[in-house]
C-alpha atoms as a PDB file:
ATOM      1  CA  MET A   1     115.207 124.536 128.031  1.00  0.00           C
ATOM      2  CA  THR A   2     116.380 121.543 130.048  1.00  0.00           C
ATOM      3  CA  LEU A   3     119.081 119.463 128.415  1.00  0.00           C
ATOM      4  CA  ARG A   4     121.198 116.569 129.572  1.00  0.00           C
ATOM      5  CA  THR A   5     124.164 114.998 127.927  1.00  0.00           C
ATOM      6  CA  ILE A   6     125.095 111.345 127.925  1.00  0.00           C
ATOM      7  CA  GLU A   7     128.037 109.517 126.433  1.00  0.00           C
ATOM      8  CA  ILE A   8     127.552 106.435 124.295  1.00  0.00           C
ATOM      9  CA  GLU A   9     130.429 104.734 122.502  1.00  0.00           C
ATOM     10  CA  GLY A  10     132.665 107.745 123.133  1.00  0.00           C
ATOM     11  CA  ARG A  11     130.183 110.208 121.619  1.00  0.00           C
ATOM     12  CA  GLU A  12     128.477 112.949 123.620  1.00  0.00           C
ATOM     13  CA  LEU A  13     124.735 113.048 122.923  1.00  0.00           C
ATOM     14  CA  VAL A  14     122.166 115.653 123.966  1.00  0.00           C
ATOM     15  CA  VAL A  15     118.898 114.511 125.555  1.00  0.00           C
ATOM     16  CA  MET A  16     115.837 116.775 125.554  1.00  0.00           C
ATOM     17  CA  THR A  17     112.078 116.518 125.848  1.00  0.00           C
ATOM     18  CA  ARG A  18     110.016 115.644 122.783  1.00  0.00           C
ATOM     19  CA  SER A  19     108.291 119.047 122.905  1.00  0.00           C
ATOM     20  CA  GLU A  20     111.643 120.875 122.959  1.00  0.00           C
ATOM     21  CA  PHE A  21     112.930 118.725 120.090  1.00  0.00           C
ATOM     22  CA  GLU A  22     109.801 119.490 118.045  1.00  0.00           C
ATOM     23  CA  ARG A  23     110.167 123.214 118.788  1.00  0.00           C
ATOM     24  CA  LEU A  24     113.731 123.110 117.440  1.00  0.00           C
ATOM     25  CA  MET A  25     112.650 121.076 114.394  1.00  0.00           C
ATOM     26  CA  GLU A  26     109.913 123.634 113.737  1.00  0.00           C
ATOM     27  CA  LYS A  27     112.387 126.508 114.096  1.00  0.00           C
ATOM     28  CA  ALA A  28     114.770 124.778 111.663  1.00  0.00           C
ATOM     29  CA  GLY A  29     111.943 124.421 109.147  1.00  0.00           C
ATOM     30  CA  THR A  30     111.874 120.628 109.308  1.00  0.00           C
ATOM     31  CA  LEU A  31     108.393 120.495 110.867  1.00  0.00           C
ATOM     32  CA  PRO A  32     105.581 122.790 109.701  1.00  0.00           C
ATOM     33  CA  ALA A  33     104.413 125.191 112.386  1.00  0.00           C
ATOM     34  CA  LEU A  34     101.093 124.592 114.092  1.00  0.00           C
ATOM     35  CA  PRO A  35      98.668 127.469 113.520  1.00  0.00           C
ATOM     36  CA  PRO A  36      98.654 130.094 116.253  1.00  0.00           C
ATOM     37  CA  ALA A  37      95.967 129.973 118.926  1.00  0.00           C
ATOM     38  CA  ASP A  38      93.462 132.780 119.209  1.00  0.00           C
ATOM     39  CA  ALA A  39      92.730 134.663 122.453  1.00  0.00           C
ATOM     40  CA  LYS A  40      90.633 131.728 123.722  1.00  0.00           C
ATOM     41  CA  GLY A  41      93.323 129.168 122.890  1.00  0.00           C
ATOM     42  CA  ASN A  42      91.496 127.803 119.830  1.00  0.00           C
ATOM     43  CA  ARG A  43      93.278 126.975 116.582  1.00  0.00           C
ATOM     44  CA  ASP A  44      91.965 126.749 113.046  1.00  0.00           C
ATOM     45  CA  ALA A  45      90.931 123.087 112.790  1.00  0.00           C
ATOM     46  CA  LEU A  46      91.801 122.546 109.128  1.00  0.00           C
ATOM     47  CA  ALA A  47      95.195 124.223 109.363  1.00  0.00           C
ATOM     48  CA  PHE A  48      95.918 122.254 112.537  1.00  0.00           C
ATOM     49  CA  ALA A  49      94.934 118.978 110.831  1.00  0.00           C
ATOM     50  CA  ASP A  50      97.172 119.749 107.822  1.00  0.00           C
ATOM     51  CA  ALA A  51     100.156 120.487 110.061  1.00  0.00           C
ATOM     52  CA  ALA A  52      99.513 117.546 112.412  1.00  0.00           C
ATOM     53  CA  ILE A  53      99.318 115.047 109.534  1.00  0.00           C
ATOM     54  CA  ALA A  54     102.492 116.482 108.014  1.00  0.00           C
ATOM     55  CA  ARG A  55     104.360 116.396 111.337  1.00  0.00           C
ATOM     56  CA  GLY A  56     103.313 112.796 111.923  1.00  0.00           C
ATOM     57  CA  PHE A  57     104.597 111.616 108.552  1.00  0.00           C
ATOM     58  CA  ILE A  58     107.827 113.615 108.819  1.00  0.00           C
ATOM     59  CA  THR A  59     108.554 112.196 112.274  1.00  0.00           C
ATOM     60  CA  ARG A  60     107.848 108.628 111.171  1.00  0.00           C
ATOM     61  CA  ARG A  61     109.883 109.008 107.961  1.00  0.00           C
ATOM     62  CA  ILE A  62     112.887 110.413 109.822  1.00  0.00           C
ATOM     63  CA  LYS A  63     112.631 107.711 112.497  1.00  0.00           C
ATOM     64  CA  ALA A  64     112.660 105.111 109.697  1.00  0.00           C
ATOM     65  CA  CYS A  65     115.837 106.788 108.309  1.00  0.00           C
ATOM     66  CA  LEU A  66     114.210 107.431 104.939  1.00  0.00           C
ATOM     67  CA  THR A  67     114.473 110.351 102.571  1.00  0.00           C
ATOM     68  CA  GLN A  68     111.387 111.570 100.758  1.00  0.00           C
ATOM     69  CA  LYS A  69     112.714 109.874  97.637  1.00  0.00           C
ATOM     70  CA  GLU A  70     113.107 106.524  99.419  1.00  0.00           C
ATOM     71  CA  LEU A  71     109.616 106.751 100.932  1.00  0.00           C
ATOM     72  CA  ALA A  72     108.215 107.586  97.492  1.00  0.00           C
ATOM     73  CA  LYS A  73     109.822 104.470  96.036  1.00  0.00           C
ATOM     74  CA  ARG A  74     108.572 102.213  98.858  1.00  0.00           C
ATOM     75  CA  SER A  75     105.035 103.604  98.822  1.00  0.00           C
ATOM     76  CA  GLY A  76     104.489 104.209  95.115  1.00  0.00           C
ATOM     77  CA  VAL A  77     103.644 107.849  95.861  1.00  0.00           C
ATOM     78  CA  ARG A  78     105.332 110.624  93.881  1.00  0.00           C
ATOM     79  CA  MET A  79     108.073 112.451  95.758  1.00  0.00           C
ATOM     80  CA  GLU A  80     106.434 115.784  94.870  1.00  0.00           C
ATOM     81  CA  THR A  81     103.243 114.616  96.625  1.00  0.00           C
ATOM     82  CA  ILE A  82     105.211 113.688  99.745  1.00  0.00           C
ATOM     83  CA  SER A  83     106.958 117.064  99.676  1.00  0.00           C
ATOM     84  CA  ARG A  84     103.631 118.914  99.435  1.00  0.00           C
ATOM     85  CA  LEU A  85     102.143 116.813 102.250  1.00  0.00           C
ATOM     86  CA  GLU A  86     105.153 117.474 104.491  1.00  0.00           C
ATOM     87  CA  SER A  87     104.873 121.226 103.894  1.00  0.00           C
ATOM     88  CA  GLY A  88     101.628 121.133 105.859  1.00  0.00           C
ATOM     89  CA  LYS A  89      99.846 123.115 103.154  1.00  0.00           C
ATOM     90  CA  HIS A  90      98.369 120.208 101.219  1.00  0.00           C
ATOM     91  CA  ILE A  91      96.045 117.418 102.286  1.00  0.00           C
ATOM     92  CA  PRO A  92      96.489 114.424 100.008  1.00  0.00           C
ATOM     93  CA  ARG A  93      93.767 111.974  99.093  1.00  0.00           C
ATOM     94  CA  GLN A  94      92.957 109.246 101.598  1.00  0.00           C
ATOM     95  CA  GLU A  95      94.459 106.639  99.266  1.00  0.00           C
ATOM     96  CA  THR A  96      97.801 108.469  99.357  1.00  0.00           C
ATOM     97  CA  ILE A  97      97.793 108.646 103.158  1.00  0.00           C
ATOM     98  CA  VAL A  98      97.027 104.920 103.343  1.00  0.00           C
ATOM     99  CA  ARG A  99      99.870 104.039 100.945  1.00  0.00           C
ATOM    100  CA  LEU A 100     102.379 106.119 102.908  1.00  0.00           C
ATOM    101  CA  ASP A 101     101.120 104.716 106.207  1.00  0.00           C
ATOM    102  CA  GLU A 102     101.397 101.123 104.980  1.00  0.00           C
ATOM    103  CA  ALA A 103     104.957 101.652 103.715  1.00  0.00           C
ATOM    104  CA  LEU A 104     106.014 103.142 107.051  1.00  0.00           C
ATOM    105  CA  LYS A 105     104.244 100.389 109.049  1.00  0.00           C
ATOM    106  CA  VAL A 106     106.287  97.729 107.243  1.00  0.00           C
ATOM    107  CA  LEU A 107     109.484  99.433 108.392  1.00  0.00           C
ATOM    108  CA  GLU A 108     108.155 100.037 111.906  1.00  0.00           C
ATOM    109  CA  ARG A 109     107.154  96.364 112.288  1.00  0.00           C
ATOM    110  CA  GLY A 110     110.613  95.336 111.098  1.00  0.00           C
ATOM    111  CA  ALA A 111     112.224  97.656 113.642  1.00  0.00           C
ATOM    112  CA  GLN A 112     110.051  96.191 116.418  1.00  0.00           C
ATOM    113  CA  ARG A 113     111.019  92.614 115.461  1.00  0.00           C
ATOM    114  CA  HIS A 114     114.668  93.661 115.427  1.00  0.00           C
ATOM    115  CA  LYS A 115     114.357  95.131 118.957  1.00  0.00           C
ATOM    116  CA  VAL A 116     112.698  91.995 120.356  1.00  0.00           C
ATOM    117  CA  ALA A 117     115.241  89.608 118.847  1.00  0.00           C
END
């Protein structure tokens, strides 16, 4: 593991690669694990899709500084549905994915405008 530290506003921060960060998040139980590869390096496609969708939404939600409850309120999706999606063991309906995606895009666009200004 390669880590660097930097100091910003008197606080020491740790910098690491995205893959190392995701490995730690997986180990902590924040990100669902990707299915193991077989001897040929292949993974179960459906299990991989479930985990990849979950990881994508978790990463975007955390980056937007939202809890599951806050995302549920903004998207109109039940918190229990978000929790099941983020477990990586449940694929929601397309409509649910679209509603969550749209709610997160609004926040992401706002963050981009804030950066440019």
